[in-house]
Protein backbone atom coordinates (compact mmCIF):
# COMPACT_ATOMS: atom_id res chain seq x y z
CA MET A 1 -4.05 -151.05 -174.89
CA ALA A 2 -6.40 -154.00 -175.68
CA ASP A 3 -4.86 -155.62 -172.76
CA ALA A 4 -5.97 -152.61 -170.24
CA SER A 5 -9.26 -152.51 -171.67
CA LEU A 6 -9.59 -156.38 -171.17
CA MET A 7 -8.22 -156.16 -167.80
CA ALA A 8 -10.73 -153.75 -166.67
CA ASP A 9 -13.45 -155.52 -168.02
CA MET A 10 -12.26 -158.19 -166.00
CA ALA A 11 -12.30 -156.18 -162.33
CA ALA A 12 -15.55 -154.73 -163.03
CA PRO A 13 -17.67 -157.45 -162.06
CA SER A 14 -15.23 -157.85 -159.03
CA SER A 15 -16.02 -154.24 -158.01
CA THR A 16 -19.94 -155.04 -158.35
CA SER A 17 -19.69 -157.72 -156.65
CA SER A 18 -17.94 -156.19 -153.80
CA THR A 19 -19.90 -153.86 -153.70
CA ALA A 20 -22.88 -156.10 -153.51
CA SER A 21 -21.36 -158.22 -150.88
CA LYS A 22 -20.47 -154.78 -148.78
CA ALA A 23 -23.75 -154.00 -149.25
CA SER A 24 -25.72 -157.22 -148.14
CA ALA A 25 -23.30 -157.19 -145.20
CA ALA A 26 -24.56 -153.82 -143.95
CA VAL A 27 -28.09 -155.12 -144.13
CA ALA A 28 -27.27 -157.73 -142.42
CA HIS A 29 -25.69 -155.84 -139.55
CA GLU A 30 -28.86 -153.72 -139.40
CA VAL A 31 -31.21 -156.59 -139.28
CA PRO A 32 -30.59 -156.89 -135.02
CA ARG A 33 -30.32 -153.24 -134.50
CA THR A 34 -34.74 -153.35 -136.20
CA VAL A 35 -35.87 -156.56 -135.37
CA GLN A 36 -35.14 -157.78 -132.16
CA PRO A 37 -35.60 -162.19 -131.62
CA VAL A 38 -37.86 -162.48 -128.49
CA GLN A 39 -35.90 -164.48 -125.51
CA PRO A 40 -37.40 -167.83 -124.61
CA LEU A 41 -38.84 -167.10 -121.06
CA ALA A 42 -36.76 -169.60 -119.42
CA ARG A 43 -33.58 -168.43 -120.34
CA ARG A 44 -34.66 -164.48 -119.19
CA ARG A 45 -32.93 -162.97 -116.18
CA TYR A 46 -34.77 -161.04 -113.16
CA ALA A 47 -32.98 -159.36 -110.19
CA LEU A 48 -35.53 -159.35 -106.87
CA GLU A 49 -34.92 -155.34 -105.59
CA ILE A 50 -36.20 -154.01 -102.51
CA ARG A 51 -38.53 -151.24 -102.76
CA GLN A 52 -37.60 -147.97 -101.11
CA HIS A 53 -40.98 -146.41 -101.30
CA MET A 54 -44.41 -147.28 -102.19
CA PRO A 55 -46.95 -145.06 -102.42
CA TRP A 56 -49.73 -145.44 -100.11
CA ARG A 57 -52.54 -145.27 -103.07
CA TRP A 58 -50.64 -148.40 -104.19
CA GLN A 59 -50.38 -150.01 -101.17
CA ALA A 60 -54.13 -150.57 -100.55
CA LEU A 61 -54.62 -151.21 -103.97
CA ILE A 62 -52.42 -154.67 -103.25
CA LEU A 63 -54.11 -154.91 -100.27
CA ALA A 64 -57.52 -154.88 -101.36
CA ALA A 65 -56.45 -157.24 -104.24
CA ALA A 66 -54.93 -159.65 -101.67
CA LEU A 67 -58.33 -159.42 -99.88
CA LEU A 68 -60.19 -159.93 -102.78
CA ALA A 69 -58.34 -163.12 -103.51
CA GLY A 70 -58.84 -164.41 -100.14
CA PHE A 71 -62.75 -164.17 -100.04
CA ALA A 72 -62.73 -165.30 -103.63
CA ILE A 73 -61.23 -168.61 -102.51
CA SER A 74 -63.50 -168.09 -99.07
CA ALA A 75 -66.44 -168.40 -101.39
CA ALA A 76 -65.21 -171.28 -103.28
CA ILE A 77 -64.31 -173.21 -100.24
CA LEU A 78 -67.68 -172.65 -98.68
CA ILE A 79 -69.25 -173.42 -102.28
CA ALA A 80 -68.00 -176.61 -101.96
CA ALA A 81 -68.71 -177.35 -98.81
CA GLY A 82 -72.66 -176.72 -99.22
CA VAL A 83 -73.76 -173.13 -99.38
CA PRO A 84 -75.41 -171.96 -102.09
CA ALA A 85 -73.31 -169.20 -104.03
CA ASP A 86 -76.59 -166.82 -103.81
CA GLU A 87 -76.80 -167.17 -100.39
CA LEU A 88 -73.42 -165.97 -99.84
CA ALA A 89 -73.73 -162.15 -99.77
CA ASN A 90 -76.96 -162.44 -98.11
CA GLU A 91 -75.15 -164.23 -94.84
CA PHE A 92 -72.19 -162.13 -94.84
CA VAL A 93 -73.64 -158.68 -95.03
CA THR A 94 -77.78 -158.69 -95.42
CA GLN A 95 -77.94 -160.61 -92.40
CA THR A 96 -75.06 -159.45 -90.02
CA PHE A 97 -74.64 -155.84 -90.85
CA PHE A 98 -78.06 -155.08 -91.41
CA ASP A 99 -79.97 -157.27 -89.09
CA GLY A 100 -80.41 -156.13 -85.62
CA GLN A 101 -79.99 -158.71 -83.75
CA ASN A 102 -76.44 -160.18 -85.65
CA PHE A 103 -75.34 -156.68 -85.70
CA ARG A 104 -75.67 -156.35 -81.64
CA ALA A 105 -73.63 -159.75 -81.79
CA VAL A 106 -71.26 -158.18 -84.07
CA LEU A 107 -70.40 -155.76 -81.33
CA PHE A 108 -70.89 -158.06 -78.39
CA GLN A 109 -68.01 -160.38 -80.20
CA ALA A 110 -65.90 -157.74 -81.46
CA ALA A 111 -65.06 -156.42 -77.91
CA PRO A 112 -62.43 -158.35 -76.77
CA MET A 113 -61.60 -159.01 -80.29
CA ILE A 114 -60.80 -155.44 -80.35
CA LEU A 115 -58.72 -154.82 -77.02
CA VAL A 116 -56.44 -158.41 -77.97
CA GLY A 117 -55.98 -156.79 -81.12
CA LEU A 118 -54.55 -153.78 -79.85
CA ALA A 119 -52.24 -155.60 -77.40
CA GLY A 120 -50.73 -157.20 -80.16
CA CYS A 121 -50.25 -153.92 -82.07
CA VAL A 122 -48.77 -152.27 -79.45
CA ALA A 123 -46.53 -155.18 -78.47
CA PHE A 124 -45.90 -155.55 -82.46
CA ARG A 125 -44.42 -151.85 -82.47
CA ALA A 126 -41.75 -152.03 -80.51
CA ARG A 127 -40.31 -155.51 -82.15
CA PHE A 128 -41.05 -157.41 -79.36
CA TRP A 129 -43.68 -160.49 -80.31
CA ASN A 130 -46.13 -161.11 -77.51
CA LEU A 131 -47.54 -164.18 -78.04
CA GLY A 132 -48.92 -164.33 -74.71
CA LEU A 133 -52.20 -162.90 -75.45
CA GLU A 134 -54.22 -165.98 -74.19
CA GLY A 135 -52.39 -165.94 -70.99
CA GLN A 136 -52.49 -162.45 -69.83
CA MET A 137 -56.21 -162.59 -70.85
CA ILE A 138 -56.47 -165.21 -68.46
CA TRP A 139 -54.83 -163.53 -65.66
CA GLY A 140 -56.97 -160.38 -66.19
CA ALA A 141 -60.04 -162.58 -65.77
CA ILE A 142 -58.90 -163.99 -62.80
CA GLY A 143 -57.75 -160.54 -61.36
CA ALA A 144 -61.10 -159.44 -61.32
CA THR A 145 -62.58 -162.52 -60.27
CA THR A 146 -60.55 -162.58 -57.16
CA ILE A 147 -61.98 -158.70 -56.54
CA SER A 148 -65.22 -160.31 -56.70
CA MET A 149 -64.44 -163.37 -54.87
CA TRP A 150 -63.26 -161.65 -51.66
CA GLN A 151 -65.56 -158.81 -52.14
CA ILE A 152 -62.90 -156.18 -52.43
CA GLY A 153 -64.18 -152.94 -51.76
CA PRO A 154 -67.71 -151.44 -51.62
CA GLU A 155 -70.36 -152.14 -53.84
CA SER A 156 -70.02 -148.46 -56.03
CA LEU A 157 -66.08 -149.30 -56.43
CA ARG A 158 -66.45 -152.86 -56.90
CA LEU A 159 -66.47 -152.67 -60.92
CA PRO A 160 -63.29 -150.70 -61.20
CA LEU A 161 -61.64 -151.98 -58.46
CA MET A 162 -61.97 -155.19 -60.81
CA PHE A 163 -60.89 -153.26 -64.30
CA ALA A 164 -57.62 -151.83 -62.01
CA ALA A 165 -57.15 -155.55 -61.16
CA ALA A 166 -57.34 -156.77 -64.80
CA ILE A 167 -55.20 -154.33 -66.13
CA GLY A 168 -52.21 -155.13 -62.93
CA CYS A 169 -52.53 -158.51 -63.73
CA GLY A 170 -52.03 -158.96 -67.20
CA LEU A 171 -49.22 -156.50 -66.67
CA MET A 172 -47.76 -158.20 -64.29
CA TRP A 173 -47.56 -161.59 -66.31
CA VAL A 174 -45.85 -160.10 -69.54
CA LEU A 175 -43.05 -158.33 -67.26
CA GLY A 176 -41.83 -161.72 -66.57
CA PRO A 177 -40.65 -162.07 -70.87
CA ALA A 178 -40.03 -158.81 -71.41
CA TRP A 179 -37.40 -158.57 -69.06
CA LEU A 180 -35.80 -162.07 -69.62
CA LYS A 181 -35.93 -160.57 -73.14
CA LEU A 182 -34.25 -156.96 -72.70
CA LYS A 183 -31.92 -158.61 -69.72
CA LEU A 184 -30.63 -162.24 -70.43
CA GLY A 185 -31.52 -162.32 -74.59
CA VAL A 186 -34.24 -165.22 -73.99
CA ASN A 187 -36.48 -165.19 -77.29
CA GLU A 188 -40.05 -164.07 -76.10
CA ILE A 189 -41.59 -165.99 -78.65
CA ILE A 190 -40.67 -168.92 -76.93
CA SER A 191 -41.44 -167.68 -73.24
CA THR A 192 -44.78 -165.67 -73.61
CA LEU A 193 -46.06 -168.57 -75.98
CA MET A 194 -44.92 -171.50 -72.62
CA LEU A 195 -46.80 -168.69 -69.97
CA ASN A 196 -49.69 -169.59 -72.12
CA TYR A 197 -50.01 -173.18 -70.72
CA MET A 198 -49.04 -171.99 -67.25
CA ALA A 199 -52.17 -169.67 -66.94
CA ALA A 200 -54.29 -172.03 -68.67
CA ASN A 201 -53.73 -174.71 -66.54
CA PHE A 202 -53.95 -172.76 -63.11
CA LEU A 203 -57.07 -171.50 -64.30
CA LEU A 204 -58.16 -174.69 -64.70
CA HIS A 205 -56.69 -175.54 -61.50
CA LEU A 206 -59.04 -172.55 -59.71
CA VAL A 207 -62.39 -173.41 -61.61
CA TYR A 208 -62.14 -177.09 -60.64
CA GLY A 209 -61.04 -176.82 -57.56
CA SER A 210 -61.78 -174.19 -54.67
CA TRP A 211 -63.56 -171.57 -57.36
CA LYS A 212 -66.32 -173.94 -58.45
CA ASP A 213 -69.51 -172.67 -58.20
CA PRO A 214 -71.19 -174.75 -55.40
CA LYS A 215 -74.82 -174.24 -56.85
CA ASP A 216 -74.05 -175.80 -59.88
CA ASN A 217 -70.45 -177.87 -59.04
CA PHE A 218 -70.00 -176.78 -62.83
CA PRO A 219 -66.06 -175.76 -63.55
CA TYR A 220 -66.82 -172.20 -63.56
CA SER A 221 -66.62 -169.58 -60.47
CA PRO A 222 -70.24 -168.21 -58.87
CA GLN A 223 -71.69 -165.53 -60.98
CA PHE A 224 -70.76 -162.01 -60.57
CA ARG A 225 -73.52 -159.79 -58.89
CA ALA A 226 -75.05 -157.19 -60.72
CA PHE A 227 -72.98 -154.21 -59.81
CA GLU A 228 -69.93 -156.32 -61.01
CA ARG A 229 -70.98 -156.61 -63.97
CA LEU A 230 -70.78 -154.25 -67.21
CA PRO A 231 -73.61 -152.57 -67.93
CA GLU A 232 -75.49 -152.00 -70.83
CA LEU A 233 -75.84 -149.31 -72.99
CA GLY A 234 -79.26 -149.72 -74.65
CA ALA A 235 -80.94 -151.44 -77.14
CA GLY A 236 -78.97 -154.77 -75.98
CA ILE A 237 -75.63 -153.27 -76.65
CA GLY A 238 -72.97 -153.63 -73.88
CA SER A 239 -70.71 -150.85 -72.51
CA SER A 240 -67.49 -153.32 -73.41
CA ILE A 241 -67.87 -151.84 -77.06
CA LEU A 242 -67.79 -148.53 -75.24
CA LEU A 243 -64.70 -149.51 -73.33
CA ALA A 244 -62.63 -150.71 -76.49
CA GLY A 245 -63.06 -147.68 -78.76
CA VAL A 246 -62.49 -145.27 -76.07
CA VAL A 247 -58.96 -147.32 -75.58
CA ALA A 248 -58.30 -147.70 -79.49
CA LEU A 249 -58.16 -144.17 -78.87
CA LEU A 250 -55.94 -143.74 -76.16
CA ALA A 251 -54.33 -146.25 -78.50
CA TRP A 252 -54.25 -144.51 -81.20
CA TRP A 253 -53.12 -141.41 -79.86
CA LEU A 254 -50.18 -143.26 -77.97
CA ALA A 255 -48.66 -144.34 -81.29
CA SER A 256 -49.39 -141.54 -83.55
CA VAL A 257 -49.10 -138.29 -81.74
CA SER A 258 -47.50 -139.08 -78.13
CA ARG A 259 -43.49 -138.92 -78.10
CA MET A 260 -43.49 -142.63 -76.82
CA GLY A 261 -45.56 -143.08 -80.64
CA LEU A 262 -42.39 -141.18 -81.87
CA TYR A 263 -39.77 -143.42 -80.11
CA LEU A 264 -41.90 -146.52 -80.87
CA ARG A 265 -41.21 -145.69 -84.52
CA PHE A 266 -37.41 -145.47 -84.41
CA VAL A 267 -37.21 -148.70 -82.54
CA ASP A 268 -39.16 -149.84 -85.20
CA ALA A 269 -37.44 -148.94 -87.95
CA ASN A 270 -33.64 -149.79 -86.33
CA PRO A 271 -32.99 -150.49 -82.88
CA ARG A 272 -29.70 -150.10 -83.09
CA MET A 273 -30.22 -146.48 -84.71
CA ALA A 274 -32.63 -145.34 -82.61
CA HIS A 275 -29.88 -146.18 -79.01
CA ALA A 276 -27.58 -144.19 -80.87
CA SER A 277 -29.64 -141.27 -81.50
CA GLY A 278 -30.45 -140.91 -77.53
CA VAL A 279 -33.61 -142.88 -77.64
CA PRO A 280 -34.73 -144.77 -74.89
CA VAL A 281 -35.17 -147.89 -76.12
CA ARG A 282 -35.34 -150.87 -73.16
CA ARG A 283 -37.97 -147.64 -71.72
CA THR A 284 -39.79 -147.92 -74.54
CA ILE A 285 -39.69 -151.30 -75.45
CA TYR A 286 -40.84 -151.95 -71.38
CA GLY A 287 -43.47 -149.30 -71.62
CA ALA A 288 -45.28 -150.91 -75.29
CA VAL A 289 -44.92 -154.67 -73.70
CA LEU A 290 -46.66 -153.72 -70.22
CA LEU A 291 -49.10 -151.48 -71.90
CA SER A 292 -49.80 -154.85 -74.41
CA GLY A 293 -50.16 -157.06 -71.32
CA ALA A 294 -52.96 -154.43 -69.83
CA MET A 295 -54.75 -154.21 -72.90
CA ALA A 296 -55.32 -158.16 -73.12
CA GLY A 297 -56.00 -158.04 -69.55
CA LEU A 298 -58.39 -155.86 -70.22
CA ALA A 299 -59.76 -157.88 -72.68
CA GLY A 300 -59.89 -160.59 -70.15
CA PHE A 301 -62.23 -158.48 -67.83
CA ALA A 302 -64.30 -157.63 -70.62
CA VAL A 303 -65.34 -161.45 -71.25
CA ALA A 304 -65.76 -162.18 -67.86
CA ALA A 305 -67.45 -159.05 -66.57
CA GLY A 306 -69.38 -158.39 -70.24
CA GLN A 307 -69.85 -161.27 -71.63
CA GLU A 308 -69.72 -164.73 -69.36
CA GLY A 309 -70.67 -162.88 -66.07
CA ARG A 310 -68.47 -165.07 -64.26
CA LEU A 311 -64.78 -167.23 -64.92
CA THR A 312 -65.21 -169.77 -67.28
CA GLN A 313 -62.65 -172.74 -68.10
CA ALA A 314 -62.33 -172.01 -72.22
CA PHE A 315 -63.80 -168.40 -72.30
CA TYR A 316 -60.09 -167.18 -73.94
CA GLN A 317 -59.89 -170.20 -76.39
CA GLY A 318 -59.06 -168.51 -79.95
CA TYR A 319 -58.48 -164.80 -78.81
CA GLY A 320 -54.73 -165.30 -79.27
CA PHE A 321 -54.64 -166.28 -82.64
CA SER A 322 -57.43 -163.65 -83.51
CA GLY A 323 -55.46 -161.04 -81.94
CA ILE A 324 -52.09 -161.65 -83.82
CA LEU A 325 -54.25 -161.89 -87.17
CA ILE A 326 -55.96 -158.26 -86.47
CA ALA A 327 -52.64 -156.88 -85.56
CA PHE A 328 -51.41 -158.76 -88.60
CA LEU A 329 -53.63 -157.06 -91.14
CA ALA A 330 -54.21 -153.90 -89.55
CA ARG A 331 -50.22 -153.57 -90.17
CA ASN A 332 -49.99 -152.52 -86.62
CA ASN A 333 -52.61 -149.53 -87.14
CA PRO A 334 -54.94 -149.09 -83.86
CA LEU A 335 -57.45 -147.63 -85.45
CA ALA A 336 -57.30 -150.06 -88.55
CA ALA A 337 -57.13 -153.11 -85.89
CA THR A 338 -60.79 -151.85 -84.48
CA VAL A 339 -62.19 -152.14 -88.07
CA VAL A 340 -59.70 -155.68 -88.84
CA ALA A 341 -61.64 -156.88 -85.44
CA LEU A 342 -65.13 -155.61 -86.45
CA LEU A 343 -64.74 -157.59 -89.40
CA VAL A 344 -63.42 -160.65 -88.01
CA ALA A 345 -66.29 -160.97 -85.62
CA ALA A 346 -68.63 -160.51 -88.12
CA LEU A 347 -66.83 -163.65 -89.66
CA PHE A 348 -67.37 -165.53 -86.22
CA VAL A 349 -71.08 -164.48 -86.33
CA THR A 350 -71.86 -165.63 -89.95
CA GLY A 351 -70.17 -169.07 -89.10
CA ARG A 352 -72.41 -169.89 -86.46
CA SER A 353 -75.30 -169.03 -88.60
CA LEU A 354 -73.47 -170.87 -91.46
CA GLN A 355 -73.07 -173.81 -88.60
CA VAL A 356 -76.87 -173.78 -88.14
CA PHE A 357 -78.45 -173.53 -91.30
CA TYR A 358 -76.00 -175.54 -93.67
CA GLN A 359 -73.96 -177.96 -91.09
CA VAL A 360 -70.41 -176.16 -92.00
CA PRO A 361 -68.06 -176.64 -89.63
CA PHE A 362 -66.32 -174.11 -87.36
CA SER A 363 -63.37 -175.24 -88.51
CA MET A 364 -64.45 -173.93 -91.91
CA VAL A 365 -64.27 -170.42 -90.27
CA GLN A 366 -60.76 -171.05 -88.95
CA LEU A 367 -59.95 -172.34 -92.60
CA ILE A 368 -61.00 -168.83 -93.91
CA GLN A 369 -59.35 -167.03 -91.38
CA ALA A 370 -56.03 -168.64 -92.41
CA VAL A 371 -56.46 -168.41 -96.00
CA ILE A 372 -57.21 -164.62 -95.46
CA VAL A 373 -53.55 -164.42 -93.54
CA VAL A 374 -51.66 -166.41 -96.47
CA CYS A 375 -53.22 -163.91 -98.67
CA VAL A 376 -52.11 -161.03 -97.01
CA ALA A 377 -48.86 -161.54 -96.14
CA SER A 378 -48.56 -162.60 -100.12
CA SER A 379 -49.24 -158.80 -101.04
CA ASP A 380 -46.90 -158.06 -98.36
CA PHE A 381 -43.96 -158.91 -100.88
CA PHE A 382 -45.25 -157.23 -103.75
CA ILE A 383 -45.25 -154.08 -101.67
CA ARG A 384 -41.99 -154.28 -100.24
CA HIS A 385 -40.08 -156.22 -102.81
CA ARG A 386 -40.02 -155.71 -106.87
CA LEU A 387 -38.88 -157.87 -109.82
CA ARG A 388 -36.70 -156.24 -112.87
CA ARG A 389 -35.95 -157.94 -115.95
CA VAL A 390 -31.68 -157.69 -116.47
CA GLY A 391 -30.04 -158.14 -119.67
CA GLY A 392 -28.01 -161.42 -120.52
CA GLU A 393 -29.15 -165.13 -120.97
CA ALA A 394 -29.58 -167.36 -117.34
CA VAL A 395 -26.44 -169.46 -116.29
CA GLN A 396 -27.01 -173.00 -117.37
């Protein structure tokens, strides 16, 4: 019996220690569940996913944040170039939009920009990357000038004939790249860009050759007569801005209300699926591209008959890039393109003021445009994609 009690006393501490070890093991097992160790940033894994849908409010918020970032960077660039910080708001807002003369200059500059921006919007909706807007502008102005030079039609119909000739010439100049794209599969970016150089060189051939003004002997055509120029609406505002507004409304109706607009949405989403669904894809693309060329030709007419009053050798420069920029910032929406074109025109007018008063080169204005484009392009990443953290450690 003594031996039994001795053995029981010896076994008791062993069972106690076993119970304690089990309790400590349980506590140790529970610790990772309550306190998660923080992974180093370099060891975390993320997956890039395409968003199925984002509400338009969030899209507008992201786009606004991108624009504010672009404006902040642009302000820093201008301050570094010597523009006083307290004068930026005065130059870009007060003097541009609330001064009568400067605001008329903005409208004057915005009319062809609206037209060339709409031309980009319509073509890009059909997935046709029309980079030949300048060439189509040139031919639109050449067509209008031809009517004036040869005095075709009576005086009362001269301006409508110039209008129609500008539309027809711009339309015909883009017909070739459209046919090459749809028939032979030729990249429209290359063909439209190359046609820009052809149009520009032909323009130089005209203004330095048979169309040179005999009075001044300068490389531009003779001045248009009074009945061949776009009239003023009053208070120094030209009718070209009214023309641009009417075309913008027609483009909005076409893209948002008409049957062709519905077809364009199908083509933009998936051309193959649109064709399988019975959508006339080729006719839709042809129609959008020809309409784009017609609008660009009208932009050339607006510059020649509304601004210059004649055909000049460099009237088109900068409008091609501006049209692509406007269409991109507006996301191919015609009404938004009108607003963006006004803002871009205001930027150009303010840039000229900065040149005069602060000796800022005009290339700085183009740099600001590029900064804003990069910021908006970056915002598109956050609208279309998202980063999602996934479990596990990164592979070393």
